[in-house]
Amino acid sequence: QDIRTVKNAIYSVINKEELILQDPEPFVAVSELADSSVNFIARVWTKTDDYWTVHFNLIENVKLKFDEENISIPFPQLDINL
């Protein structure tokens, strides 16, 4: 997928999460060009008591947003030829 499309999808999920603080500003970037994927990092801040709620909400909601936007997640694949 296009990097901008993926970043916009992640930011849209971040912007809907009310427990995320806006100062410091949330940050999304490409963190690695891996063998079969382009890896992203999302860095957000929240109150300590809300950390795990935000953590699990973001993972689930990013996956749902990717499905909605037809953004695929590549999974490792191994081809064996005999």
C-alpha atoms as a PDB file:
ATOM      1  CA  GLN A   1       0.000   0.000   0.000  1.00  0.00           C
ATOM      2  CA  ASP A   2       0.955   3.611  -0.370  1.00  0.00           C
ATOM      3  CA  ILE A   3       2.835   4.893   2.692  1.00  0.00           C
ATOM      4  CA  ARG A   4       0.677   8.020   2.930  1.00  0.00           C
ATOM      5  CA  THR A   5      -2.508   5.933   2.876  1.00  0.00           C
ATOM      6  CA  VAL A   6      -1.266   3.750   5.725  1.00  0.00           C
ATOM      7  CA  LYS A   7      -0.063   6.723   7.797  1.00  0.00           C
ATOM      8  CA  ASN A   8      -3.390   8.515   7.282  1.00  0.00           C
ATOM      9  CA  ALA A   9      -5.290   5.403   8.378  1.00  0.00           C
ATOM     10  CA  ILE A  10      -3.219   5.120  11.549  1.00  0.00           C
ATOM     11  CA  TYR A  11      -3.575   8.833  12.317  1.00  0.00           C
ATOM     12  CA  SER A  12      -7.358   8.602  11.849  1.00  0.00           C
ATOM     13  CA  VAL A  13      -7.496   5.841  14.495  1.00  0.00           C
ATOM     14  CA  ILE A  14      -5.241   7.829  16.836  1.00  0.00           C
ATOM     15  CA  ASN A  15      -7.390  10.948  16.445  1.00  0.00           C
ATOM     16  CA  LYS A  16     -10.527   9.019  17.490  1.00  0.00           C
ATOM     17  CA  GLU A  17      -8.975   7.650  20.704  1.00  0.00           C
ATOM     18  CA  GLU A  18     -10.037  10.070  23.437  1.00  0.00           C
ATOM     19  CA  LEU A  19      -7.499   8.771  25.975  1.00  0.00           C
ATOM     20  CA  ILE A  20      -4.514   9.837  23.851  1.00  0.00           C
ATOM     21  CA  LEU A  21      -2.934  13.129  24.859  1.00  0.00           C
ATOM     22  CA  GLN A  22      -2.296  15.696  22.130  1.00  0.00           C
ATOM     23  CA  ASP A  23       0.765  17.142  23.857  1.00  0.00           C
ATOM     24  CA  PRO A  24       3.243  15.824  22.956  1.00  0.00           C
ATOM     25  CA  GLU A  25       1.776  15.343  19.509  1.00  0.00           C
ATOM     26  CA  PRO A  26       1.210  11.757  18.283  1.00  0.00           C
ATOM     27  CA  PHE A  27       3.810  10.519  15.819  1.00  0.00           C
ATOM     28  CA  VAL A  28       3.582   7.930  13.001  1.00  0.00           C
ATOM     29  CA  ALA A  29       6.573   6.993  10.840  1.00  0.00           C
ATOM     30  CA  VAL A  30       8.132   4.229   8.787  1.00  0.00           C
ATOM     31  CA  SER A  31      10.421   2.382  11.182  1.00  0.00           C
ATOM     32  CA  GLU A  32      11.847  -0.342   8.952  1.00  0.00           C
ATOM     33  CA  LEU A  33      11.962  -1.670   5.418  1.00  0.00           C
ATOM     34  CA  ALA A  34      11.818  -5.381   6.210  1.00  0.00           C
ATOM     35  CA  ASP A  35      12.076  -8.468   3.992  1.00  0.00           C
ATOM     36  CA  SER A  36       8.361  -8.683   3.224  1.00  0.00           C
ATOM     37  CA  SER A  37       6.927  -5.528   4.714  1.00  0.00           C
ATOM     38  CA  VAL A  38       7.201  -1.849   5.452  1.00  0.00           C
ATOM     39  CA  ASN A  39       6.970  -1.484   9.238  1.00  0.00           C
ATOM     40  CA  PHE A  40       5.413   1.523  10.918  1.00  0.00           C
ATOM     41  CA  ILE A  41       5.665   2.890  14.419  1.00  0.00           C
ATOM     42  CA  ALA A  42       2.976   4.928  16.150  1.00  0.00           C
ATOM     43  CA  ARG A  43       4.058   6.847  19.212  1.00  0.00           C
ATOM     44  CA  VAL A  44       1.355   8.325  21.397  1.00  0.00           C
ATOM     45  CA  TRP A  45       1.146   9.530  24.970  1.00  0.00           C
ATOM     46  CA  THR A  46      -1.506   8.843  27.545  1.00  0.00           C
ATOM     47  CA  LYS A  47      -1.957   8.824  31.286  1.00  0.00           C
ATOM     48  CA  THR A  48      -0.268   5.860  32.985  1.00  0.00           C
ATOM     49  CA  ASP A  49      -3.603   4.445  34.150  1.00  0.00           C
ATOM     50  CA  ASP A  50      -4.897   4.448  30.545  1.00  0.00           C
ATOM     51  CA  TYR A  51      -1.823   2.840  28.950  1.00  0.00           C
ATOM     52  CA  TRP A  52      -3.134  -0.710  28.469  1.00  0.00           C
ATOM     53  CA  THR A  53      -6.569   0.461  27.343  1.00  0.00           C
ATOM     54  CA  VAL A  54      -4.984   2.669  24.690  1.00  0.00           C
ATOM     55  CA  HIS A  55      -2.488  -0.037  23.717  1.00  0.00           C
ATOM     56  CA  PHE A  56      -5.133  -2.675  23.004  1.00  0.00           C
ATOM     57  CA  ASN A  57      -7.630  -0.201  21.500  1.00  0.00           C
ATOM     58  CA  LEU A  58      -5.055   1.017  18.985  1.00  0.00           C
ATOM     59  CA  ILE A  59      -4.024  -2.466  17.896  1.00  0.00           C
ATOM     60  CA  GLU A  60      -7.615  -3.573  17.371  1.00  0.00           C
ATOM     61  CA  ASN A  61      -8.800  -0.348  15.771  1.00  0.00           C
ATOM     62  CA  VAL A  62      -5.840  -0.080  13.400  1.00  0.00           C
ATOM     63  CA  LYS A  63      -6.547  -3.629  12.170  1.00  0.00           C
ATOM     64  CA  LEU A  64     -10.232  -2.773  11.702  1.00  0.00           C
ATOM     65  CA  LYS A  65      -9.289   0.425   9.842  1.00  0.00           C
ATOM     66  CA  PHE A  66      -6.861  -1.494   7.612  1.00  0.00           C
ATOM     67  CA  ASP A  67      -9.642  -3.956   6.762  1.00  0.00           C
ATOM     68  CA  GLU A  68     -11.993  -1.063   5.993  1.00  0.00           C
ATOM     69  CA  GLU A  69      -9.377   0.606   3.748  1.00  0.00           C
ATOM     70  CA  ASN A  70      -8.295  -2.706   2.123  1.00  0.00           C
ATOM     71  CA  ILE A  71      -4.783  -2.327   3.502  1.00  0.00           C
ATOM     72  CA  SER A  72      -3.244  -5.769   3.704  1.00  0.00           C
ATOM     73  CA  ILE A  73      -0.777  -6.933   6.318  1.00  0.00           C
ATOM     74  CA  PRO A  74       1.909  -9.157   4.800  1.00  0.00           C
ATOM     75  CA  PHE A  75       2.714 -12.276   6.702  1.00  0.00           C
ATOM     76  CA  PRO A  76       5.971 -14.203   6.368  1.00  0.00           C
ATOM     77  CA  GLN A  77       5.881 -16.768   3.615  1.00  0.00           C
ATOM     78  CA  LEU A  78       8.290 -19.591   2.896  1.00  0.00           C
ATOM     79  CA  ASP A  79       8.281 -21.369  -0.472  1.00  0.00           C
ATOM     80  CA  ILE A  80       9.897 -24.764  -0.618  1.00  0.00           C
ATOM     81  CA  ASN A  81      10.592 -26.228  -4.045  1.00  0.00           C
ATOM     82  CA  LEU A  82      11.575 -29.874  -4.385  1.00  0.00           C
END
